[in-house]
Amino acid sequence: MAEHLVASYDAELKDLKQRILTMGGMVEQMISDAIKSLVERDSELAAQVIARDHEVNGLEMAIDDKCLELLALRQPAGKDLRFITLALKIVTDLERIGDQAVNIAQRALELAPEPPLKPYVDLPRMATRAQDMVRESLDAFVARDSARARAVCARDSEVDALKEQVFRELLTYMMADPTTIPRAIRLILISRFLERVADHATNIAEMVVYLVEGRMVRHTLA
């Protein structure tokens, strides 16, 4: 009987990990599709990203419920307790990443009827790096790999630098031609949304360090 309970508990933890990875894959795809809708001026794809938000919200609630159930019925201790309580926080970050994808898609919809201000190079590059950070932080979470998590945190500055590069370049457009200001501002906003995606991935990675090492390193990672 005891062995059955242990096997069942292990299966529940494995299921929880899989749900988190599923949600992570979903928001990562939303970021990819949102940027693609911008670059290709694909309003239909942008609308699909926006519509997908309710699925992410539903997953967040289901994972929250599962975590609370495990805490109440299984009374975990040690690393399992940290794992489940951090899962509650991680899905909040994932839900907010989904929100940033929606924000990007909404700006893409607004920009679609307008002539492109410039070729999109840095924004897709930012998106790729932010998506990689999300994927790596979740892989580190499941594998309980603090070294991989620390590597994710170290990459946050790359996304920040790209955001500043985008801002400086678009500022020159706005100064040279005031008619470009509405389009440039939307692109600057998209760069900020992508920066926030990277920030949420960094949050997850910092929590992984806590999960593995038992020490909180947020804002002090070294």
N, C-alpha and C. Protein backbone atom coordinates (compact mmCIF):
# COMPACT_ATOMS: atom_id res chain seq x y z
N MET A 1 0.83 -1.20 0.00
CA MET A 1 0.00 0.00 0.00
C MET A 1 0.87 1.26 0.00
N ALA A 2 1.91 1.25 0.87
CA ALA A 2 2.82 2.40 0.94
C ALA A 2 3.52 2.61 -0.38
N GLU A 3 3.94 1.50 -1.02
CA GLU A 3 4.63 1.62 -2.31
C GLU A 3 3.71 2.22 -3.36
N HIS A 4 2.44 1.83 -3.30
CA HIS A 4 1.46 2.38 -4.25
C HIS A 4 1.31 3.89 -4.07
N LEU A 5 1.26 4.34 -2.80
CA LEU A 5 1.11 5.76 -2.52
C LEU A 5 2.33 6.55 -3.02
N VAL A 6 3.51 5.98 -2.82
CA VAL A 6 4.73 6.63 -3.29
C VAL A 6 4.73 6.73 -4.81
N ALA A 7 4.36 5.64 -5.48
CA ALA A 7 4.31 5.62 -6.95
C ALA A 7 3.30 6.64 -7.46
N SER A 8 2.16 6.71 -6.78
CA SER A 8 1.12 7.67 -7.18
C SER A 8 1.60 9.09 -7.01
N TYR A 9 2.29 9.36 -5.89
CA TYR A 9 2.83 10.71 -5.62
C TYR A 9 3.86 11.08 -6.67
N ASP A 10 4.75 10.17 -6.99
CA ASP A 10 5.77 10.42 -8.02
C ASP A 10 5.11 10.72 -9.37
N ALA A 11 4.04 9.99 -9.68
CA ALA A 11 3.32 10.20 -10.94
C ALA A 11 2.68 11.59 -10.96
N GLU A 12 2.17 12.03 -9.81
CA GLU A 12 1.56 13.35 -9.74
C GLU A 12 2.59 14.45 -9.93
N LEU A 13 3.76 14.28 -9.35
CA LEU A 13 4.83 15.26 -9.53
C LEU A 13 5.29 15.30 -10.99
N LYS A 14 5.39 14.13 -11.60
CA LYS A 14 5.77 14.06 -13.01
C LYS A 14 4.72 14.75 -13.89
N ASP A 15 3.45 14.53 -13.56
CA ASP A 15 2.36 15.17 -14.31
C ASP A 15 2.42 16.69 -14.15
N LEU A 16 2.75 17.15 -12.94
CA LEU A 16 2.86 18.59 -12.70
C LEU A 16 3.97 19.19 -13.56
N LYS A 17 5.12 18.51 -13.60
CA LYS A 17 6.22 18.97 -14.44
C LYS A 17 5.79 19.07 -15.90
N GLN A 18 5.07 18.06 -16.38
CA GLN A 18 4.65 18.03 -17.77
C GLN A 18 3.68 19.16 -18.08
N ARG A 19 2.78 19.44 -17.15
CA ARG A 19 1.84 20.55 -17.37
C ARG A 19 2.57 21.89 -17.48
N ILE A 20 3.58 22.06 -16.63
CA ILE A 20 4.36 23.30 -16.68
C ILE A 20 5.10 23.42 -18.01
N LEU A 21 5.69 22.31 -18.47
CA LEU A 21 6.37 22.33 -19.77
C LEU A 21 5.40 22.61 -20.90
N THR A 22 4.19 22.05 -20.82
CA THR A 22 3.18 22.31 -21.83
C THR A 22 2.81 23.79 -21.88
N MET A 23 2.62 24.37 -20.71
CA MET A 23 2.30 25.80 -20.64
C MET A 23 3.47 26.64 -21.16
N GLY A 24 4.70 26.24 -20.80
CA GLY A 24 5.87 26.95 -21.28
C GLY A 24 5.99 26.89 -22.79
N GLY A 25 5.74 25.70 -23.36
CA GLY A 25 5.78 25.56 -24.81
C GLY A 25 4.73 26.41 -25.50
N MET A 26 3.59 26.54 -24.85
CA MET A 26 2.50 27.33 -25.43
C MET A 26 2.85 28.82 -25.48
N VAL A 27 3.38 29.36 -24.37
CA VAL A 27 3.69 30.79 -24.36
C VAL A 27 4.90 31.08 -25.25
N GLU A 28 5.82 30.12 -25.33
CA GLU A 28 6.97 30.29 -26.22
C GLU A 28 6.50 30.39 -27.68
N GLN A 29 5.55 29.53 -28.06
CA GLN A 29 5.01 29.57 -29.41
C GLN A 29 4.23 30.86 -29.66
N MET A 30 3.55 31.35 -28.63
CA MET A 30 2.82 32.62 -28.77
C MET A 30 3.78 33.77 -29.07
N ILE A 31 4.93 33.79 -28.40
CA ILE A 31 5.93 34.83 -28.67
C ILE A 31 6.41 34.73 -30.12
N SER A 32 6.72 33.50 -30.53
CA SER A 32 7.19 33.27 -31.90
C SER A 32 6.16 33.73 -32.93
N ASP A 33 4.90 33.35 -32.71
CA ASP A 33 3.84 33.71 -33.66
C ASP A 33 3.56 35.20 -33.64
N ALA A 34 3.65 35.83 -32.47
CA ALA A 34 3.40 37.27 -32.38
C ALA A 34 4.44 38.04 -33.20
N ILE A 35 5.71 37.64 -33.08
CA ILE A 35 6.76 38.32 -33.85
C ILE A 35 6.61 38.02 -35.34
N LYS A 36 6.25 36.78 -35.65
CA LYS A 36 6.03 36.43 -37.06
C LYS A 36 4.89 37.26 -37.64
N SER A 37 3.84 37.48 -36.86
CA SER A 37 2.71 38.28 -37.35
C SER A 37 3.14 39.73 -37.59
N LEU A 38 4.09 40.22 -36.80
CA LEU A 38 4.62 41.57 -37.01
C LEU A 38 5.43 41.64 -38.30
N VAL A 39 6.38 40.72 -38.42
CA VAL A 39 7.30 40.75 -39.56
C VAL A 39 6.55 40.53 -40.88
N GLU A 40 5.59 39.59 -40.87
CA GLU A 40 4.88 39.25 -42.10
C GLU A 40 3.58 40.02 -42.27
N ARG A 41 3.29 40.91 -41.30
CA ARG A 41 2.07 41.73 -41.33
C ARG A 41 0.84 40.82 -41.50
N ASP A 42 0.80 39.80 -40.67
CA ASP A 42 -0.23 38.76 -40.73
C ASP A 42 -1.23 39.00 -39.60
N SER A 43 -2.30 39.71 -39.90
CA SER A 43 -3.30 40.07 -38.89
C SER A 43 -4.03 38.84 -38.36
N GLU A 44 -4.23 37.86 -39.22
CA GLU A 44 -4.93 36.65 -38.79
C GLU A 44 -4.12 35.90 -37.73
N LEU A 45 -2.81 35.81 -37.95
CA LEU A 45 -1.95 35.13 -36.98
C LEU A 45 -1.92 35.90 -35.67
N ALA A 46 -1.86 37.23 -35.76
CA ALA A 46 -1.88 38.05 -34.55
C ALA A 46 -3.16 37.82 -33.75
N ALA A 47 -4.28 37.73 -34.45
CA ALA A 47 -5.56 37.48 -33.78
C ALA A 47 -5.58 36.11 -33.11
N GLN A 48 -4.93 35.14 -33.74
CA GLN A 48 -4.86 33.79 -33.14
C GLN A 48 -4.07 33.81 -31.84
N VAL A 49 -2.99 34.59 -31.81
CA VAL A 49 -2.18 34.71 -30.59
C VAL A 49 -3.04 35.30 -29.47
N ILE A 50 -3.78 36.33 -29.79
CA ILE A 50 -4.63 36.98 -28.79
C ILE A 50 -5.69 36.01 -28.27
N ALA A 51 -6.27 35.23 -29.18
CA ALA A 51 -7.32 34.28 -28.80
C ALA A 51 -6.78 33.16 -27.93
N ARG A 52 -5.48 32.84 -28.07
CA ARG A 52 -4.89 31.73 -27.33
C ARG A 52 -4.67 32.07 -25.85
N ASP A 53 -4.82 33.33 -25.52
CA ASP A 53 -4.53 33.76 -24.15
C ASP A 53 -5.42 33.03 -23.13
N HIS A 54 -6.67 32.76 -23.50
CA HIS A 54 -7.57 32.11 -22.54
C HIS A 54 -7.12 30.68 -22.24
N GLU A 55 -6.46 30.02 -23.21
CA GLU A 55 -5.93 28.68 -22.96
C GLU A 55 -4.82 28.72 -21.91
N VAL A 56 -3.96 29.72 -22.03
CA VAL A 56 -2.88 29.88 -21.06
C VAL A 56 -3.44 30.15 -19.67
N ASN A 57 -4.45 31.01 -19.61
CA ASN A 57 -5.07 31.31 -18.32
C ASN A 57 -5.71 30.06 -17.71
N GLY A 58 -6.32 29.23 -18.55
CA GLY A 58 -6.92 27.99 -18.08
C GLY A 58 -5.89 27.02 -17.54
N LEU A 59 -4.75 26.94 -18.23
CA LEU A 59 -3.67 26.07 -17.75
C LEU A 59 -3.12 26.56 -16.42
N GLU A 60 -2.97 27.88 -16.30
CA GLU A 60 -2.46 28.43 -15.05
C GLU A 60 -3.37 28.03 -13.88
N MET A 61 -4.67 28.17 -14.06
CA MET A 61 -5.61 27.84 -12.99
C MET A 61 -5.57 26.34 -12.66
N ALA A 62 -5.47 25.51 -13.70
CA ALA A 62 -5.42 24.06 -13.47
C ALA A 62 -4.16 23.65 -12.71
N ILE A 63 -3.02 24.26 -13.06
CA ILE A 63 -1.77 23.96 -12.38
C ILE A 63 -1.81 24.46 -10.93
N ASP A 64 -2.36 25.66 -10.74
CA ASP A 64 -2.53 26.19 -9.38
C ASP A 64 -3.34 25.21 -8.52
N ASP A 65 -4.44 24.74 -9.08
CA ASP A 65 -5.30 23.81 -8.34
C ASP A 65 -4.55 22.53 -7.98
N LYS A 66 -3.75 22.03 -8.94
CA LYS A 66 -3.00 20.79 -8.69
C LYS A 66 -1.95 21.00 -7.60
N CYS A 67 -1.27 22.13 -7.63
CA CYS A 67 -0.27 22.42 -6.61
C CYS A 67 -0.90 22.49 -5.22
N LEU A 68 -2.02 23.18 -5.12
CA LEU A 68 -2.70 23.31 -3.83
C LEU A 68 -3.20 21.96 -3.34
N GLU A 69 -3.65 21.12 -4.27
CA GLU A 69 -4.09 19.77 -3.90
C GLU A 69 -2.93 18.95 -3.36
N LEU A 70 -1.78 19.03 -4.02
CA LEU A 70 -0.61 18.29 -3.56
C LEU A 70 -0.14 18.78 -2.19
N LEU A 71 -0.18 20.08 -1.98
CA LEU A 71 0.22 20.64 -0.69
C LEU A 71 -0.71 20.17 0.42
N ALA A 72 -2.01 20.13 0.13
CA ALA A 72 -3.00 19.77 1.15
C ALA A 72 -3.01 18.28 1.45
N LEU A 73 -2.93 17.46 0.39
CA LEU A 73 -3.11 16.02 0.58
C LEU A 73 -1.81 15.26 0.80
N ARG A 74 -0.72 15.75 0.22
CA ARG A 74 0.54 15.01 0.30
C ARG A 74 1.48 15.54 1.38
N GLN A 75 1.24 16.80 1.78
CA GLN A 75 2.08 17.43 2.81
C GLN A 75 3.57 17.20 2.52
N PRO A 76 4.05 17.67 1.38
CA PRO A 76 5.44 17.45 1.00
C PRO A 76 6.41 18.20 1.92
N ALA A 77 7.65 17.75 1.92
CA ALA A 77 8.69 18.39 2.72
C ALA A 77 9.95 18.54 1.87
N GLY A 78 10.88 19.36 2.36
CA GLY A 78 12.17 19.49 1.70
C GLY A 78 12.07 20.02 0.28
N LYS A 79 12.82 19.35 -0.62
CA LYS A 79 12.89 19.83 -2.01
C LYS A 79 11.54 19.69 -2.72
N ASP A 80 10.77 18.67 -2.37
CA ASP A 80 9.44 18.54 -2.99
C ASP A 80 8.55 19.72 -2.61
N LEU A 81 8.64 20.17 -1.37
CA LEU A 81 7.86 21.33 -0.94
C LEU A 81 8.29 22.57 -1.72
N ARG A 82 9.60 22.77 -1.84
CA ARG A 82 10.09 23.91 -2.62
C ARG A 82 9.66 23.80 -4.08
N PHE A 83 9.71 22.60 -4.62
CA PHE A 83 9.33 22.38 -6.02
C PHE A 83 7.88 22.80 -6.25
N ILE A 84 6.98 22.37 -5.40
CA ILE A 84 5.55 22.64 -5.60
C ILE A 84 5.23 24.11 -5.36
N THR A 85 5.81 24.69 -4.31
CA THR A 85 5.52 26.10 -4.04
C THR A 85 6.11 27.00 -5.13
N LEU A 86 7.27 26.63 -5.67
CA LEU A 86 7.86 27.41 -6.76
C LEU A 86 7.08 27.21 -8.06
N ALA A 87 6.49 26.04 -8.24
CA ALA A 87 5.66 25.82 -9.42
C ALA A 87 4.51 26.83 -9.45
N LEU A 88 3.96 27.14 -8.29
CA LEU A 88 2.89 28.15 -8.21
C LEU A 88 3.37 29.50 -8.71
N LYS A 89 4.61 29.85 -8.38
CA LYS A 89 5.16 31.13 -8.82
C LYS A 89 5.54 31.11 -10.30
N ILE A 90 6.08 29.98 -10.72
CA ILE A 90 6.54 29.87 -12.11
C ILE A 90 5.37 30.02 -13.09
N VAL A 91 4.23 29.41 -12.77
CA VAL A 91 3.11 29.52 -13.71
C VAL A 91 2.59 30.95 -13.78
N THR A 92 2.78 31.72 -12.72
CA THR A 92 2.42 33.14 -12.78
C THR A 92 3.32 33.86 -13.78
N ASP A 93 4.63 33.56 -13.73
CA ASP A 93 5.54 34.16 -14.72
C ASP A 93 5.18 33.72 -16.14
N LEU A 94 4.84 32.45 -16.31
CA LEU A 94 4.47 31.96 -17.64
C LEU A 94 3.20 32.64 -18.15
N GLU A 95 2.24 32.85 -17.26
CA GLU A 95 1.00 33.53 -17.67
C GLU A 95 1.31 34.95 -18.11
N ARG A 96 2.23 35.59 -17.42
CA ARG A 96 2.59 36.97 -17.79
C ARG A 96 3.37 37.03 -19.10
N ILE A 97 4.15 35.97 -19.37
CA ILE A 97 4.81 35.88 -20.68
C ILE A 97 3.75 35.80 -21.78
N GLY A 98 2.70 35.00 -21.53
CA GLY A 98 1.59 34.95 -22.48
C GLY A 98 0.96 36.32 -22.69
N ASP A 99 0.84 37.08 -21.61
CA ASP A 99 0.29 38.44 -21.71
C ASP A 99 1.17 39.32 -22.59
N GLN A 100 2.50 39.18 -22.47
CA GLN A 100 3.41 39.97 -23.31
C GLN A 100 3.27 39.59 -24.78
N ALA A 101 3.06 38.31 -25.05
CA ALA A 101 2.83 37.87 -26.43
C ALA A 101 1.56 38.53 -26.99
N VAL A 102 0.54 38.59 -26.17
CA VAL A 102 -0.71 39.25 -26.59
C VAL A 102 -0.46 40.73 -26.87
N ASN A 103 0.31 41.38 -26.00
CA ASN A 103 0.64 42.79 -26.21
C ASN A 103 1.36 43.01 -27.54
N ILE A 104 2.30 42.11 -27.85
CA ILE A 104 3.03 42.21 -29.13
C ILE A 104 2.07 42.02 -30.29
N ALA A 105 1.20 41.02 -30.19
CA ALA A 105 0.24 40.75 -31.27
C ALA A 105 -0.70 41.94 -31.49
N GLN A 106 -1.09 42.59 -30.42
CA GLN A 106 -1.97 43.76 -30.55
C GLN A 106 -1.27 44.90 -31.28
N ARG A 107 0.02 45.11 -30.97
CA ARG A 107 0.78 46.14 -31.69
C ARG A 107 0.97 45.73 -33.15
N ALA A 108 1.16 44.43 -33.39
CA ALA A 108 1.31 43.94 -34.77
C ALA A 108 0.04 44.22 -35.57
N LEU A 109 -1.11 44.03 -34.95
CA LEU A 109 -2.39 44.35 -35.61
C LEU A 109 -2.47 45.82 -35.98
N GLU A 110 -2.02 46.68 -35.08
CA GLU A 110 -2.06 48.12 -35.34
C GLU A 110 -1.10 48.53 -36.44
N LEU A 111 0.04 47.83 -36.53
CA LEU A 111 1.06 48.18 -37.51
C LEU A 111 0.81 47.55 -38.88
N ALA A 112 0.00 46.50 -38.94
CA ALA A 112 -0.20 45.76 -40.19
C ALA A 112 -0.65 46.64 -41.36
N PRO A 113 -1.59 47.59 -41.15
CA PRO A 113 -2.03 48.40 -42.30
C PRO A 113 -1.02 49.48 -42.71
N GLU A 114 -0.02 49.72 -41.86
CA GLU A 114 0.95 50.79 -42.11
C GLU A 114 2.13 50.28 -42.93
N PRO A 115 2.77 51.15 -43.71
CA PRO A 115 4.00 50.73 -44.40
C PRO A 115 5.09 50.46 -43.37
N PRO A 116 5.90 49.43 -43.59
CA PRO A 116 6.96 49.11 -42.61
C PRO A 116 7.92 50.29 -42.44
N LEU A 117 8.27 50.56 -41.21
CA LEU A 117 9.19 51.67 -40.93
C LEU A 117 10.61 51.30 -41.33
N LYS A 118 10.97 50.04 -41.11
CA LYS A 118 12.33 49.55 -41.40
C LYS A 118 12.30 48.03 -41.42
N PRO A 119 13.31 47.40 -42.00
CA PRO A 119 13.38 45.93 -41.91
C PRO A 119 13.51 45.51 -40.45
N TYR A 120 12.81 44.44 -40.09
CA TYR A 120 12.84 43.97 -38.71
C TYR A 120 14.00 42.98 -38.56
N VAL A 121 14.99 43.39 -37.82
CA VAL A 121 16.17 42.55 -37.57
C VAL A 121 16.34 42.31 -36.07
N ASP A 122 16.45 43.39 -35.31
CA ASP A 122 16.74 43.26 -33.87
C ASP A 122 15.57 42.72 -33.07
N LEU A 123 14.33 43.07 -33.45
CA LEU A 123 13.19 42.56 -32.70
C LEU A 123 13.06 41.03 -32.81
N PRO A 124 13.16 40.45 -34.02
CA PRO A 124 13.17 38.98 -34.09
C PRO A 124 14.34 38.36 -33.33
N ARG A 125 15.49 39.04 -33.35
CA ARG A 125 16.65 38.54 -32.61
C ARG A 125 16.36 38.55 -31.10
N MET A 126 15.76 39.63 -30.64
CA MET A 126 15.36 39.70 -29.22
C MET A 126 14.38 38.59 -28.88
N ALA A 127 13.41 38.38 -29.76
CA ALA A 127 12.39 37.36 -29.50
C ALA A 127 13.01 35.97 -29.40
N THR A 128 13.94 35.67 -30.31
CA THR A 128 14.60 34.37 -30.29
C THR A 128 15.36 34.15 -28.98
N ARG A 129 16.06 35.18 -28.54
CA ARG A 129 16.84 35.04 -27.31
C ARG A 129 15.92 34.92 -26.10
N ALA A 130 14.83 35.69 -26.10
CA ALA A 130 13.90 35.60 -24.97
C ALA A 130 13.22 34.23 -24.93
N GLN A 131 12.84 33.70 -26.11
CA GLN A 131 12.24 32.37 -26.17
C GLN A 131 13.23 31.31 -25.67
N ASP A 132 14.48 31.43 -26.08
CA ASP A 132 15.50 30.47 -25.63
C ASP A 132 15.64 30.51 -24.11
N MET A 133 15.57 31.71 -23.55
CA MET A 133 15.69 31.86 -22.09
C MET A 133 14.52 31.18 -21.38
N VAL A 134 13.31 31.34 -21.94
CA VAL A 134 12.15 30.69 -21.35
C VAL A 134 12.33 29.17 -21.37
N ARG A 135 12.72 28.65 -22.54
CA ARG A 135 12.88 27.20 -22.69
C ARG A 135 13.97 26.67 -21.75
N GLU A 136 15.10 27.37 -21.70
CA GLU A 136 16.21 26.91 -20.87
C GLU A 136 15.87 26.98 -19.38
N SER A 137 15.13 28.02 -18.98
CA SER A 137 14.78 28.13 -17.56
C SER A 137 13.85 27.00 -17.14
N LEU A 138 12.93 26.62 -18.03
CA LEU A 138 12.02 25.51 -17.71
C LEU A 138 12.75 24.17 -17.72
N ASP A 139 13.66 24.00 -18.67
CA ASP A 139 14.46 22.78 -18.68
C ASP A 139 15.28 22.66 -17.40
N ALA A 140 15.83 23.80 -16.96
CA ALA A 140 16.60 23.81 -15.70
C ALA A 140 15.70 23.47 -14.52
N PHE A 141 14.47 23.95 -14.55
CA PHE A 141 13.51 23.67 -13.48
C PHE A 141 13.21 22.18 -13.38
N VAL A 142 12.91 21.58 -14.51
CA VAL A 142 12.56 20.15 -14.52
C VAL A 142 13.78 19.30 -14.15
N ALA A 143 14.95 19.68 -14.65
CA ALA A 143 16.16 18.91 -14.38
C ALA A 143 16.80 19.27 -13.04
N ARG A 144 16.26 20.31 -12.40
CA ARG A 144 16.84 20.82 -11.15
C ARG A 144 18.33 21.11 -11.35
N ASP A 145 18.62 21.91 -12.38
CA ASP A 145 19.99 22.20 -12.81
C ASP A 145 20.28 23.69 -12.56
N SER A 146 20.94 23.98 -11.45
CA SER A 146 21.19 25.38 -11.10
C SER A 146 22.23 26.03 -12.02
N ALA A 147 23.16 25.25 -12.54
CA ALA A 147 24.16 25.82 -13.45
C ALA A 147 23.50 26.33 -14.72
N ARG A 148 22.57 25.55 -15.25
CA ARG A 148 21.84 25.99 -16.44
C ARG A 148 20.99 27.22 -16.13
N ALA A 149 20.41 27.24 -14.94
CA ALA A 149 19.60 28.38 -14.53
C ALA A 149 20.44 29.65 -14.44
N ARG A 150 21.63 29.54 -13.88
CA ARG A 150 22.52 30.70 -13.77
C ARG A 150 22.93 31.21 -15.16
N ALA A 151 23.08 30.30 -16.10
CA ALA A 151 23.42 30.71 -17.48
C ALA A 151 22.29 31.52 -18.10
N VAL A 152 21.05 31.15 -17.78
CA VAL A 152 19.90 31.93 -18.26
C VAL A 152 19.96 33.34 -17.71
N CYS A 153 20.21 33.46 -16.42
CA CYS A 153 20.27 34.79 -15.79
C CYS A 153 21.34 35.66 -16.44
N ALA A 154 22.45 35.06 -16.81
CA ALA A 154 23.56 35.81 -17.40
C ALA A 154 23.19 36.36 -18.78
N ARG A 155 22.20 35.75 -19.44
CA ARG A 155 21.82 36.18 -20.79
C ARG A 155 20.86 37.35 -20.80
N ASP A 156 20.32 37.70 -19.64
CA ASP A 156 19.34 38.78 -19.58
C ASP A 156 19.92 40.09 -20.09
N SER A 157 21.19 40.33 -19.82
CA SER A 157 21.83 41.58 -20.25
C SER A 157 21.89 41.69 -21.77
N GLU A 158 21.95 40.55 -22.48
CA GLU A 158 21.97 40.58 -23.94
C GLU A 158 20.66 41.16 -24.49
N VAL A 159 19.55 40.73 -23.90
CA VAL A 159 18.24 41.24 -24.33
C VAL A 159 18.11 42.72 -23.98
N ASP A 160 18.59 43.10 -22.80
CA ASP A 160 18.56 44.52 -22.41
C ASP A 160 19.34 45.37 -23.40
N ALA A 161 20.49 44.88 -23.83
CA ALA A 161 21.34 45.64 -24.77
C ALA A 161 20.64 45.79 -26.12
N LEU A 162 19.98 44.74 -26.57
CA LEU A 162 19.24 44.82 -27.83
C LEU A 162 18.09 45.82 -27.74
N LYS A 163 17.42 45.85 -26.58
CA LYS A 163 16.33 46.81 -26.40
C LYS A 163 16.85 48.24 -26.52
N GLU A 164 17.99 48.51 -25.91
CA GLU A 164 18.57 49.86 -25.99
C GLU A 164 18.99 50.19 -27.42
N GLN A 165 19.48 49.20 -28.13
CA GLN A 165 19.87 49.40 -29.53
C GLN A 165 18.65 49.74 -30.39
N VAL A 166 17.55 49.02 -30.17
CA VAL A 166 16.30 49.29 -30.89
C VAL A 166 15.83 50.72 -30.60
N PHE A 167 15.87 51.11 -29.33
CA PHE A 167 15.41 52.44 -28.94
C PHE A 167 16.24 53.52 -29.62
N ARG A 168 17.56 53.38 -29.57
CA ARG A 168 18.43 54.41 -30.17
C ARG A 168 18.18 54.54 -31.67
N GLU A 169 18.03 53.40 -32.35
CA GLU A 169 17.82 53.45 -33.79
C GLU A 169 16.47 54.10 -34.13
N LEU A 170 15.43 53.72 -33.40
CA LEU A 170 14.11 54.28 -33.69
C LEU A 170 14.03 55.75 -33.32
N LEU A 171 14.80 56.17 -32.33
CA LEU A 171 14.83 57.58 -31.96
C LEU A 171 15.35 58.42 -33.12
N THR A 172 16.34 57.91 -33.85
CA THR A 172 16.86 58.67 -35.00
C THR A 172 15.79 58.81 -36.08
N TYR A 173 14.96 57.78 -36.28
CA TYR A 173 13.85 57.87 -37.23
C TYR A 173 12.87 58.96 -36.81
N MET A 174 12.51 58.96 -35.54
CA MET A 174 11.52 59.93 -35.05
C MET A 174 12.03 61.36 -35.14
N MET A 175 13.33 61.55 -34.87
CA MET A 175 13.92 62.89 -34.95
C MET A 175 14.00 63.38 -36.39
N ALA A 176 14.27 62.45 -37.30
CA ALA A 176 14.41 62.83 -38.71
C ALA A 176 13.06 63.08 -39.38
N ASP A 177 12.03 62.35 -38.94
CA ASP A 177 10.71 62.45 -39.59
C ASP A 177 9.61 62.21 -38.57
N PRO A 178 8.97 63.28 -38.08
CA PRO A 178 7.93 63.13 -37.04
C PRO A 178 6.76 62.24 -37.45
N THR A 179 6.55 62.03 -38.75
CA THR A 179 5.43 61.18 -39.17
C THR A 179 5.68 59.71 -38.80
N THR A 180 6.93 59.38 -38.49
CA THR A 180 7.24 58.00 -38.13
C THR A 180 6.97 57.70 -36.65
N ILE A 181 6.67 58.73 -35.87
CA ILE A 181 6.58 58.57 -34.41
C ILE A 181 5.57 57.50 -33.98
N PRO A 182 4.33 57.49 -34.50
CA PRO A 182 3.38 56.45 -34.03
C PRO A 182 3.88 55.02 -34.27
N ARG A 183 4.47 54.79 -35.46
CA ARG A 183 4.98 53.45 -35.74
C ARG A 183 6.19 53.12 -34.87
N ALA A 184 7.08 54.10 -34.71
CA ALA A 184 8.29 53.87 -33.92
C ALA A 184 7.95 53.57 -32.46
N ILE A 185 6.98 54.28 -31.93
CA ILE A 185 6.60 54.06 -30.53
C ILE A 185 6.06 52.65 -30.34
N ARG A 186 5.28 52.17 -31.29
CA ARG A 186 4.76 50.80 -31.18
C ARG A 186 5.90 49.78 -31.20
N LEU A 187 6.90 50.03 -32.04
CA LEU A 187 8.05 49.12 -32.09
C LEU A 187 8.87 49.18 -30.81
N ILE A 188 9.01 50.36 -30.24
CA ILE A 188 9.70 50.50 -28.96
C ILE A 188 8.95 49.72 -27.87
N LEU A 189 7.62 49.81 -27.90
CA LEU A 189 6.81 49.05 -26.93
C LEU A 189 7.04 47.55 -27.09
N ILE A 190 7.11 47.08 -28.33
CA ILE A 190 7.35 45.65 -28.57
C ILE A 190 8.69 45.23 -27.97
N SER A 191 9.71 46.09 -28.13
CA SER A 191 11.02 45.76 -27.54
C SER A 191 10.92 45.67 -26.02
N ARG A 192 10.09 46.51 -25.43
CA ARG A 192 9.92 46.46 -23.97
C ARG A 192 9.16 45.20 -23.55
N PHE A 193 8.19 44.80 -24.35
CA PHE A 193 7.46 43.57 -24.04
C PHE A 193 8.41 42.37 -24.08
N LEU A 194 9.31 42.36 -25.07
CA LEU A 194 10.27 41.26 -25.16
C LEU A 194 11.26 41.28 -24.00
N GLU A 195 11.65 42.48 -23.58
CA GLU A 195 12.52 42.59 -22.42
C GLU A 195 11.85 41.98 -21.19
N ARG A 196 10.53 42.21 -21.07
CA ARG A 196 9.81 41.65 -19.92
C ARG A 196 9.72 40.13 -19.99
N VAL A 197 9.61 39.59 -21.20
CA VAL A 197 9.63 38.13 -21.35
C VAL A 197 10.94 37.59 -20.78
N ALA A 198 12.05 38.24 -21.16
CA ALA A 198 13.36 37.81 -20.66
C ALA A 198 13.44 37.96 -19.14
N ASP A 199 12.83 39.01 -18.62
CA ASP A 199 12.82 39.22 -17.16
C ASP A 199 12.07 38.09 -16.46
N HIS A 200 10.94 37.67 -17.03
CA HIS A 200 10.17 36.58 -16.43
C HIS A 200 10.96 35.26 -16.50
N ALA A 201 11.66 35.05 -17.61
CA ALA A 201 12.51 33.85 -17.72
C ALA A 201 13.60 33.88 -16.66
N THR A 202 14.16 35.06 -16.42
CA THR A 202 15.18 35.22 -15.39
C THR A 202 14.59 34.93 -14.01
N ASN A 203 13.36 35.40 -13.77
CA ASN A 203 12.69 35.09 -12.50
C ASN A 203 12.62 33.58 -12.27
N ILE A 204 12.21 32.87 -13.33
CA ILE A 204 12.10 31.40 -13.22
C ILE A 204 13.46 30.79 -12.92
N ALA A 205 14.50 31.27 -13.63
CA ALA A 205 15.84 30.72 -13.44
C ALA A 205 16.34 30.97 -12.02
N GLU A 206 16.06 32.15 -11.48
CA GLU A 206 16.48 32.45 -10.11
C GLU A 206 15.77 31.53 -9.11
N MET A 207 14.51 31.21 -9.41
CA MET A 207 13.78 30.30 -8.53
C MET A 207 14.35 28.88 -8.60
N VAL A 208 14.87 28.51 -9.77
CA VAL A 208 15.50 27.19 -9.90
C VAL A 208 16.74 27.10 -9.00
N VAL A 209 17.52 28.18 -8.97
CA VAL A 209 18.68 28.19 -8.09
C VAL A 209 18.24 27.97 -6.64
N TYR A 210 17.14 28.62 -6.26
CA TYR A 210 16.62 28.42 -4.91
C TYR A 210 16.16 26.98 -4.69
N LEU A 211 15.49 26.44 -5.69
CA LEU A 211 15.01 25.06 -5.60
C LEU A 211 16.16 24.09 -5.35
N VAL A 212 17.24 24.27 -6.09
CA VAL A 212 18.35 23.31 -6.04
C VAL A 212 19.27 23.58 -4.84
N GLU A 213 19.58 24.85 -4.61
CA GLU A 213 20.60 25.18 -3.62
C GLU A 213 20.01 25.63 -2.28
N GLY A 214 18.71 25.91 -2.27
CA GLY A 214 18.08 26.33 -1.03
C GLY A 214 18.43 27.73 -0.58
N ARG A 215 18.90 28.55 -1.52
CA ARG A 215 19.24 29.94 -1.18
C ARG A 215 18.62 30.87 -2.22
N MET A 216 18.04 31.96 -1.72
CA MET A 216 17.41 32.93 -2.59
C MET A 216 18.44 33.87 -3.17
N VAL A 217 18.47 33.97 -4.50
CA VAL A 217 19.50 34.79 -5.15
C VAL A 217 18.89 35.92 -5.97
N ARG A 218 17.60 36.12 -5.87
CA ARG A 218 16.94 37.16 -6.68
C ARG A 218 17.58 38.51 -6.38
N HIS A 219 17.91 39.21 -7.46
CA HIS A 219 18.53 40.55 -7.43
C HIS A 219 19.97 40.53 -6.92
N THR A 220 20.49 39.36 -6.52
CA THR A 220 21.85 39.31 -5.99
C THR A 220 22.66 38.18 -6.62
N LEU A 221 22.21 37.70 -7.80
CA LEU A 221 22.84 36.52 -8.39
C LEU A 221 24.31 36.79 -8.69
N ALA A 222 25.14 35.86 -8.23
CA ALA A 222 26.56 36.00 -8.47
C ALA A 222 27.20 34.62 -8.53
